[in-house]
């Protein structure tokens, strides 16, 4: 009980330890990204190899004019090619190697080559082969190192995702247990109290009135329990990969009409519907998509004051279909807006209000939309209220 209360308080105040630590680690990684990544681009490498070979040529010339100085003819140019290969890749490294050979044969030792191609090949060939072998070895080792780093990065990401999934699972289980316990406690308490009264005083008129009263309370709590269990099953089903979508061509406009007609009949509220004259065709699971519409429209009805506007609009946009559900409601903070699609999230004003709900509808809707290849998000309106946007791929004829 203490754990569940702690999690509830953390959620109400907008804190999620696992999520915050993950976001901090992400920002920490981003802060260590190189600011001058263009210095490692191959294009800069081609420019750098000219500067590097020029500097080595100057050093070799100076070395030749200093008496008794060691002569490192050729070796620095080979090392330069290896360094360029490590930093900028094979292309700049080959350019660096060719420039080094030209500098050695044309400027540093212009008489080293003769008209005898065979003799020149014997002189220059080993140098070229040695450089090529060194370059290939260095590039292979560097590529292997980068592949290992990439694999480690993927493993870190997967572990982070697994940690988040495990944290979410624990949170859902604890929160669900708490939500189940509350109505069960009420039902059990009423039942025990009623049983005690009947056993002590018998079937009196007062006890029969208490029976009628308690049955109504227990029925209400039981319906709440069933609603939570159904939403938990829906949440499990939409996350389960073994439950494929049954995709068929359907018209989003017709689905909107059916859902809005039902919601108006249930709530007695007026809901504006704006649709184009042409059908809005989708390749979708119509039952799941109707579930999204019911969640969005019922939320708009539930969380908006009486006599305020609720509007549903849908239109085609390039290769997608856009759906907007707008209602007037209390102002959201940006943090609350981001967390709107998290499981069990309800704003503090709603969490302790008599408005029923578990905070799972938008989570389920988000997963359904994403499984259809779409996106869902929320935006604050310029006036007062909130608009939920759904973007889904249109059916291409």
Protein backbone atom coordinates (compact mmCIF):
# COMPACT_ATOMS: atom_id res chain seq x y z
CA UNK A 1 0.00 0.00 0.00
CA UNK A 2 2.83 2.38 0.84
CA UNK A 3 4.48 1.65 -2.52
CA UNK A 4 1.28 2.31 -4.47
CA UNK A 5 0.71 5.59 -2.59
CA UNK A 6 4.24 6.69 -3.38
CA UNK A 7 3.77 5.93 -7.07
CA UNK A 8 0.43 7.73 -7.10
CA UNK A 9 1.94 10.85 -5.53
CA UNK A 10 4.87 10.72 -7.94
CA UNK A 11 2.46 10.49 -10.86
CA UNK A 12 0.19 13.28 -9.64
CA UNK A 13 3.14 15.64 -9.23
CA UNK A 14 4.50 14.72 -12.65
CA UNK A 15 7.49 12.61 -11.55
CA UNK A 16 8.47 9.22 -12.91
CA UNK A 17 11.85 8.07 -11.53
CA UNK A 18 12.69 5.63 -14.30
CA UNK A 19 11.62 8.00 -17.04
CA UNK A 20 13.48 10.96 -15.52
CA UNK A 21 16.69 8.95 -15.17
CA UNK A 22 16.39 7.78 -18.78
CA UNK A 23 15.81 11.36 -20.00
CA UNK A 24 18.80 12.55 -17.97
CA UNK A 25 20.99 9.81 -19.45
CA UNK A 26 19.80 10.77 -22.93
CA UNK A 27 20.63 14.44 -22.34
CA UNK A 28 23.96 13.36 -20.88
CA UNK A 29 24.76 11.38 -24.01
CA UNK A 30 23.64 14.27 -26.24
CA UNK A 31 25.92 16.65 -24.36
CA UNK A 32 28.90 14.45 -25.25
CA UNK A 33 28.17 14.50 -28.99
CA UNK A 34 31.03 16.16 -30.91
CA UNK A 35 30.35 19.78 -31.73
CA UNK A 36 32.74 19.80 -34.68
CA UNK A 37 31.64 16.61 -36.44
CA UNK A 38 32.33 18.26 -39.82
CA UNK A 39 36.05 17.89 -39.06
CA UNK A 40 35.61 14.11 -39.47
CA UNK A 41 33.81 14.33 -42.81
CA UNK A 42 35.57 12.81 -45.88
CA UNK A 43 35.37 16.16 -47.70
CA UNK A 44 37.45 17.82 -45.01
CA UNK A 45 39.75 14.78 -45.12
CA UNK A 46 40.62 15.45 -48.77
CA UNK A 47 41.59 19.02 -47.90
CA UNK A 48 43.47 17.91 -44.79
CA UNK A 49 45.61 15.38 -46.68
CA UNK A 50 46.96 18.16 -48.96
CA UNK A 51 47.86 20.26 -45.92
CA UNK A 52 49.42 17.28 -44.16
CA UNK A 53 51.52 16.20 -47.16
CA UNK A 54 52.59 19.81 -47.67
CA UNK A 55 53.73 20.08 -44.06
CA UNK A 56 55.65 16.78 -44.28
CA UNK A 57 57.30 17.91 -47.52
CA UNK A 58 58.48 21.08 -45.80
CA UNK A 59 59.87 19.07 -42.90
CA UNK A 60 61.69 16.71 -45.27
CA UNK A 61 63.24 19.68 -47.10
CA UNK A 62 64.38 21.20 -43.82
CA UNK A 63 65.74 17.79 -42.77
CA UNK A 64 67.83 17.57 -45.95
CA UNK A 65 69.51 20.93 -45.29
CA UNK A 66 70.44 20.19 -41.68
CA UNK A 67 73.87 18.50 -41.43
CA UNK A 68 73.95 15.12 -39.69
CA UNK A 69 70.15 15.17 -39.27
CA UNK A 70 68.42 11.80 -39.64
CA UNK A 71 66.68 11.33 -42.96
CA UNK A 72 63.22 9.78 -42.72
CA UNK A 73 62.43 9.80 -46.41
CA UNK A 74 59.11 8.05 -47.12
CA UNK A 75 58.29 6.90 -43.60
CA UNK A 76 56.38 10.04 -42.50
CA UNK A 77 54.28 9.91 -45.67
CA UNK A 78 53.29 6.30 -44.96
CA UNK A 79 52.32 7.22 -41.41
CA UNK A 80 50.36 10.19 -42.74
CA UNK A 81 48.31 7.89 -44.99
CA UNK A 82 47.56 5.60 -42.05
CA UNK A 83 46.47 8.55 -39.89
CA UNK A 84 44.24 9.89 -42.66
CA UNK A 85 42.70 6.42 -43.08
CA UNK A 86 41.90 6.25 -39.37
CA UNK A 87 40.23 9.65 -39.30
CA UNK A 88 38.70 10.19 -42.74
CA UNK A 89 38.52 6.79 -44.46
CA UNK A 90 39.85 5.04 -47.53
CA UNK A 91 39.28 7.80 -50.12
CA UNK A 92 41.35 10.55 -48.48
CA UNK A 93 43.95 7.92 -47.47
CA UNK A 94 44.51 6.86 -51.10
CA UNK A 95 44.80 10.50 -52.14
CA UNK A 96 47.32 11.05 -49.34
CA UNK A 97 49.33 8.00 -50.47
CA UNK A 98 49.42 9.17 -54.12
CA UNK A 99 50.44 12.68 -53.10
CA UNK A 100 53.19 11.27 -50.87
CA UNK A 101 54.60 9.17 -53.73
CA UNK A 102 54.52 12.16 -56.11
CA UNK A 103 56.26 14.38 -53.57
CA UNK A 104 59.00 11.77 -52.93
CA UNK A 105 59.63 10.99 -56.62
CA UNK A 106 59.28 14.50 -58.02
CA UNK A 107 60.50 16.89 -55.32
CA UNK A 108 62.50 15.14 -52.62
CA UNK A 109 64.42 12.62 -54.78
CA UNK A 110 63.75 13.63 -58.38
CA UNK A 111 66.48 11.32 -59.77
CA UNK A 112 65.23 8.18 -58.05
CA UNK A 113 63.24 7.09 -61.10
CA UNK A 114 64.67 6.27 -64.50
CA UNK A 115 63.33 5.22 -67.88
CA UNK A 116 63.52 1.57 -66.82
CA UNK A 117 59.97 0.73 -65.71
CA UNK A 118 60.97 -2.64 -64.23
CA UNK A 119 63.74 -1.12 -62.12
CA UNK A 120 61.47 1.73 -61.00
CA UNK A 121 58.77 -0.77 -60.04
CA UNK A 122 61.28 -2.70 -57.94
CA UNK A 123 62.25 0.51 -56.15
CA UNK A 124 58.80 2.06 -55.64
CA UNK A 125 56.65 -1.10 -55.64
CA UNK A 126 57.46 -2.37 -52.14
CA UNK A 127 56.76 1.07 -50.71
CA UNK A 128 53.33 1.18 -52.39
CA UNK A 129 52.46 -2.40 -51.42
CA UNK A 130 53.49 -1.81 -47.82
CA UNK A 131 51.33 1.30 -47.64
CA UNK A 132 48.35 -0.49 -49.19
CA UNK A 133 48.66 -3.40 -46.77
CA UNK A 134 48.93 -1.00 -43.84
CA UNK A 135 45.93 1.00 -45.07
CA UNK A 136 43.75 -2.08 -45.58
CA UNK A 137 44.71 -3.45 -42.16
CA UNK A 138 44.08 -0.15 -40.40
CA UNK A 139 40.73 0.39 -42.16
CA UNK A 140 39.62 -3.16 -41.38
CA UNK A 141 40.52 -2.75 -37.72
CA UNK A 142 38.82 0.64 -37.56
CA UNK A 143 35.68 -0.70 -39.22
CA UNK A 144 35.60 -3.61 -36.79
CA UNK A 145 35.99 -1.21 -33.88
CA UNK A 146 33.13 0.96 -35.12
CA UNK A 147 30.91 -2.10 -35.62
CA UNK A 148 31.62 -3.18 -32.06
CA UNK A 149 30.81 0.31 -30.78
CA UNK A 150 27.59 0.36 -32.84
CA UNK A 151 26.62 -3.06 -31.45
CA UNK A 152 27.35 -1.86 -27.92
CA UNK A 153 25.20 1.22 -28.53
CA UNK A 154 22.33 -0.96 -29.78
CA UNK A 155 22.67 -3.23 -26.75
CA UNK A 156 22.57 -0.19 -24.44
CA UNK A 157 19.44 1.08 -26.20
CA UNK A 158 17.76 -2.33 -26.02
CA UNK A 159 18.63 -2.66 -22.34
CA UNK A 160 17.24 0.81 -21.71
CA UNK A 161 14.01 -0.08 -23.54
CA UNK A 162 13.73 -3.33 -21.58
CA UNK A 163 14.30 -1.44 -18.35
CA UNK A 164 11.57 1.05 -19.27
CA UNK A 165 9.21 -1.77 -20.27
CA UNK A 166 9.90 -3.59 -17.00
CA UNK A 167 9.37 -0.38 -15.03
CA UNK A 168 6.13 0.28 -16.90
CA UNK A 169 4.96 -3.30 -16.25
CA UNK A 170 5.67 -2.97 -12.52
CA UNK A 171 3.93 0.39 -12.38
CA UNK A 172 0.84 -0.90 -14.23
CA UNK A 173 0.62 -3.95 -11.97
CA UNK A 174 0.95 -1.89 -8.77
CA UNK A 175 -1.48 0.78 -9.95
CA UNK A 176 -3.97 -1.81 -11.23
CA UNK A 177 -3.79 -3.67 -7.92
CA UNK A 178 -4.51 -0.45 -6.08
CA UNK A 179 -7.42 0.45 -8.37
CA UNK A 180 -8.87 -3.06 -7.99
CA UNK A 181 -8.46 -3.04 -4.22
CA UNK A 182 -10.52 0.12 -3.65
CA UNK A 183 -13.83 -1.10 -5.13
CA UNK A 184 -13.25 -4.61 -3.79
CA UNK A 185 -12.84 -3.18 -0.30
CA UNK A 186 -16.12 -1.29 -0.69
CA UNK A 187 -17.96 -4.38 -1.95
CA UNK A 188 -16.52 -6.59 0.79
CA UNK A 189 -17.27 -4.02 3.51
CA UNK A 190 -20.88 -3.55 2.43
CA UNK A 191 -21.39 -7.29 2.12
CA UNK A 192 -19.97 -8.03 5.58
CA UNK A 193 -21.95 -5.20 7.16
CA UNK A 194 -25.17 -6.35 5.51
CA UNK A 195 -24.57 -9.99 6.49
CA UNK A 196 -23.93 -8.93 10.09
CA UNK A 197 -27.15 -6.88 10.25
CA UNK A 198 -29.28 -9.66 8.78
CA UNK A 199 -27.76 -12.19 11.16
CA UNK A 200 -28.28 -9.95 14.18
CA UNK A 201 -31.69 -8.37 13.50
CA UNK A 202 -33.21 -10.67 10.90
CA UNK A 203 -35.29 -9.63 7.91
CA UNK A 204 -36.59 -6.29 9.15
CA UNK A 205 -37.88 -3.52 6.84
CA UNK A 206 -34.84 -1.42 7.75
CA UNK A 207 -32.51 -4.22 6.72
CA UNK A 208 -34.31 -4.67 3.41
CA UNK A 209 -33.85 -0.95 2.72
CA UNK A 210 -30.16 -1.37 3.53
CA UNK A 211 -30.03 -4.36 1.16
CA UNK A 212 -31.44 -2.28 -1.68
CA UNK A 213 -29.02 0.58 -0.93
CA UNK A 214 -25.95 -1.64 -0.65
CA UNK A 215 -26.81 -3.62 -3.78
CA UNK A 216 -26.83 -0.38 -5.74
CA UNK A 217 -23.42 0.58 -4.34
CA UNK A 218 -21.99 -2.87 -5.04
CA UNK A 219 -23.36 -2.85 -8.58
CA UNK A 220 -21.71 0.50 -9.25
CA UNK A 221 -18.38 -0.69 -7.87
CA UNK A 222 -18.63 -3.94 -9.80
CA UNK A 223 -19.19 -2.04 -13.05
CA UNK A 224 -16.07 0.02 -12.25
CA UNK A 225 -14.13 -3.19 -11.73
CA UNK A 226 -15.33 -4.63 -15.01
CA UNK A 227 -14.42 -1.43 -16.83
CA UNK A 228 -10.89 -1.54 -15.42
CA UNK A 229 -10.45 -5.23 -16.27
CA UNK A 230 -11.68 -4.61 -19.84
CA UNK A 231 -9.31 -1.69 -20.29
CA UNK A 232 -6.40 -3.72 -18.92
CA UNK A 233 -7.26 -6.52 -21.36
CA UNK A 234 -7.45 -3.99 -24.21
CA UNK A 235 -4.08 -2.58 -23.16
CA UNK A 236 -2.58 -6.07 -23.17
CA UNK A 237 -4.15 -6.95 -26.53
CA UNK A 238 -2.93 -3.87 -28.38
CA UNK A 239 0.61 -4.41 -27.06
CA UNK A 240 0.61 -8.12 -27.89
CA UNK A 241 2.36 -8.89 -31.17
CA UNK A 242 0.41 -12.14 -31.45
CA UNK A 243 -2.86 -10.25 -32.03
CA UNK A 244 -2.64 -8.99 -35.62
CA UNK A 245 -4.84 -6.25 -37.00
CA UNK A 246 -7.61 -7.31 -39.39
CA UNK A 247 -7.08 -4.71 -42.09
CA UNK A 248 -9.89 -3.98 -44.55
CA UNK A 249 -10.82 -0.90 -46.62
CA UNK A 250 -13.02 1.39 -44.55
CA UNK A 251 -14.30 4.96 -44.58
CA UNK A 252 -13.22 7.08 -41.62
CA UNK A 253 -16.19 9.39 -42.21
CA UNK A 254 -18.70 6.58 -41.70
CA UNK A 255 -16.92 5.43 -38.54
CA UNK A 256 -17.05 9.00 -37.19
CA UNK A 257 -20.77 9.28 -37.91
CA UNK A 258 -21.57 6.01 -36.12
CA UNK A 259 -19.45 6.80 -33.05
CA UNK A 260 -20.72 10.37 -32.69
CA UNK A 261 -24.34 9.24 -33.03
CA UNK A 262 -23.84 6.76 -30.19
CA UNK A 263 -21.97 9.24 -27.99
CA UNK A 264 -24.64 11.92 -28.47
CA UNK A 265 -27.31 9.44 -27.47
CA UNK A 266 -25.37 8.37 -24.34
CA UNK A 267 -24.32 11.84 -23.16
CA UNK A 268 -27.06 14.11 -24.49
CA UNK A 269 -24.32 16.50 -25.67
CA UNK A 270 -24.12 18.16 -29.06
CA UNK A 271 -21.04 17.13 -31.03
CA UNK A 272 -20.14 18.95 -34.23
CA UNK A 273 -18.92 16.82 -37.12
CA UNK A 274 -17.16 18.23 -40.16
CA UNK A 275 -16.37 15.87 -43.03
CA UNK A 276 -15.48 16.35 -46.69
CA UNK A 277 -17.88 15.23 -49.40
CA UNK A 278 -15.49 12.52 -50.62
CA UNK A 279 -14.90 9.33 -48.62
CA UNK A 280 -11.83 9.15 -46.38
CA UNK A 281 -10.62 5.67 -47.26
CA UNK A 282 -8.22 3.78 -45.02
CA UNK A 283 -6.75 0.30 -44.84
CA UNK A 284 -7.53 -0.32 -41.20
CA UNK A 285 -9.01 -2.57 -38.56
CA UNK A 286 -12.41 -0.88 -38.29
CA UNK A 287 -13.13 -2.27 -34.79
CA UNK A 288 -9.84 -0.98 -33.40
CA UNK A 289 -10.20 2.35 -35.18
CA UNK A 290 -13.74 2.71 -33.81
CA UNK A 291 -12.27 2.04 -30.37
CA UNK A 292 -9.91 4.99 -30.86
CA UNK A 293 -12.80 7.24 -31.92
CA UNK A 294 -14.90 6.16 -28.91
CA UNK A 295 -11.99 6.85 -26.54
CA UNK A 296 -11.30 10.30 -27.99
CA UNK A 297 -14.92 11.45 -28.23
CA UNK A 298 -15.94 10.04 -24.82
CA UNK A 299 -12.91 11.75 -23.25
CA UNK A 300 -13.93 15.03 -24.91
CA UNK A 301 -17.44 14.64 -23.45
CA UNK A 302 -16.23 13.50 -20.03
CA UNK A 303 -13.62 16.19 -19.42
CA UNK A 304 -15.39 19.23 -20.84
CA UNK A 305 -17.98 21.35 -18.98
CA UNK A 306 -21.63 21.20 -19.97
CA UNK A 307 -22.78 23.54 -22.75
CA UNK A 308 -19.29 23.79 -24.26
CA UNK A 309 -18.33 22.95 -27.82
CA UNK A 310 -17.07 19.53 -28.87
CA UNK A 311 -16.02 19.21 -32.47
CA UNK A 312 -14.74 16.38 -34.64
CA UNK A 313 -13.15 17.15 -37.99
CA UNK A 314 -11.56 14.86 -40.57
CA UNK A 315 -9.99 15.62 -43.94
CA UNK A 316 -7.56 14.24 -46.48
CA UNK A 317 -4.02 15.62 -46.51
CA UNK A 318 -1.67 14.41 -49.26
CA UNK A 319 -1.18 10.69 -48.61
CA UNK A 320 -2.71 10.78 -45.13
CA UNK A 321 -6.03 11.28 -43.40
CA UNK A 322 -6.20 13.73 -40.51
CA UNK A 323 -8.63 13.54 -37.60
CA UNK A 324 -9.10 16.29 -34.99
CA UNK A 325 -11.13 16.01 -31.79
CA UNK A 326 -11.45 19.29 -29.87
CA UNK A 327 -13.05 20.07 -26.53
CA UNK A 328 -12.88 22.87 -23.99
CA UNK A 329 -11.24 21.91 -20.73
CA UNK A 330 -9.01 23.34 -17.99
CA UNK A 331 -5.59 24.52 -19.10
CA UNK A 332 -2.88 21.85 -19.37
CA UNK A 333 0.78 22.46 -18.64
CA UNK A 334 3.32 21.37 -21.24
CA UNK A 335 4.52 18.58 -18.95
CA UNK A 336 0.97 17.27 -18.57
CA UNK A 337 0.47 17.50 -22.32
CA UNK A 338 3.54 15.33 -22.95
CA UNK A 339 2.43 12.73 -20.38
CA UNK A 340 -1.15 12.62 -21.60
CA UNK A 341 -0.68 9.25 -23.35
CA UNK A 342 1.05 7.49 -20.45
CA UNK A 343 -0.80 4.61 -18.73
CA UNK A 344 -2.95 5.70 -15.76
CA UNK A 345 -2.02 9.36 -16.19
CA UNK A 346 -4.67 11.81 -15.06
CA UNK A 347 -4.10 15.43 -14.18
CA UNK A 348 -4.25 16.33 -10.46
CA UNK A 349 -7.57 18.17 -10.99
CA UNK A 350 -9.14 15.03 -12.45
CA UNK A 351 -7.36 12.41 -10.31
CA UNK A 352 -9.30 13.33 -7.19
CA UNK A 353 -12.52 14.39 -8.90
CA UNK A 354 -15.71 12.30 -9.21
CA UNK A 355 -15.12 11.96 -12.95
CA UNK A 356 -14.72 8.22 -13.61
CA UNK A 357 -11.79 6.88 -15.56
CA UNK A 358 -8.50 5.02 -15.29
CA UNK A 359 -6.26 7.02 -17.65
CA UNK A 360 -5.84 4.12 -20.08
CA UNK A 361 -7.98 5.24 -23.02
CA UNK A 362 -5.38 7.49 -24.66
CA UNK A 363 -2.62 4.94 -24.04
CA UNK A 364 -4.64 2.27 -25.84
CA UNK A 365 -5.53 4.71 -28.64
CA UNK A 366 -1.89 5.67 -29.14
CA UNK A 367 -0.82 2.05 -29.54
CA UNK A 368 -3.66 1.29 -31.97
CA UNK A 369 -2.82 4.33 -34.11
CA UNK A 370 0.89 3.47 -34.14
CA UNK A 371 0.13 -0.12 -35.15
CA UNK A 372 -1.75 1.35 -38.13
CA UNK A 373 1.38 3.28 -39.10
CA UNK A 374 0.02 6.61 -37.88
CA UNK A 375 0.73 9.23 -35.24
CA UNK A 376 -1.35 10.74 -32.45
CA UNK A 377 -0.57 13.84 -30.41
CA UNK A 378 -2.22 16.63 -28.41
CA UNK A 379 -1.99 20.39 -28.78
CA UNK A 380 -3.33 23.25 -26.70
CA UNK A 381 -5.78 25.41 -28.63
CA UNK A 382 -5.19 29.12 -29.03
CA UNK A 383 -8.41 29.82 -27.21
CA UNK A 384 -9.39 27.43 -24.47
CA UNK A 385 -9.23 23.69 -24.68
CA UNK A 386 -7.24 20.87 -26.19
CA UNK A 387 -7.20 19.18 -29.58
CA UNK A 388 -6.17 15.57 -30.21
CA UNK A 389 -4.71 14.97 -33.67
CA UNK A 390 -4.61 11.60 -35.41
CA UNK A 391 -2.68 11.11 -38.65
CA UNK A 392 -3.22 7.85 -40.55
CA UNK A 393 -2.02 6.61 -43.96
CA UNK A 394 -4.73 6.92 -46.60
CA UNK A 395 -5.71 4.01 -48.81
CA UNK A 396 -3.86 4.42 -52.13
CA UNK A 397 -6.11 3.42 -55.03
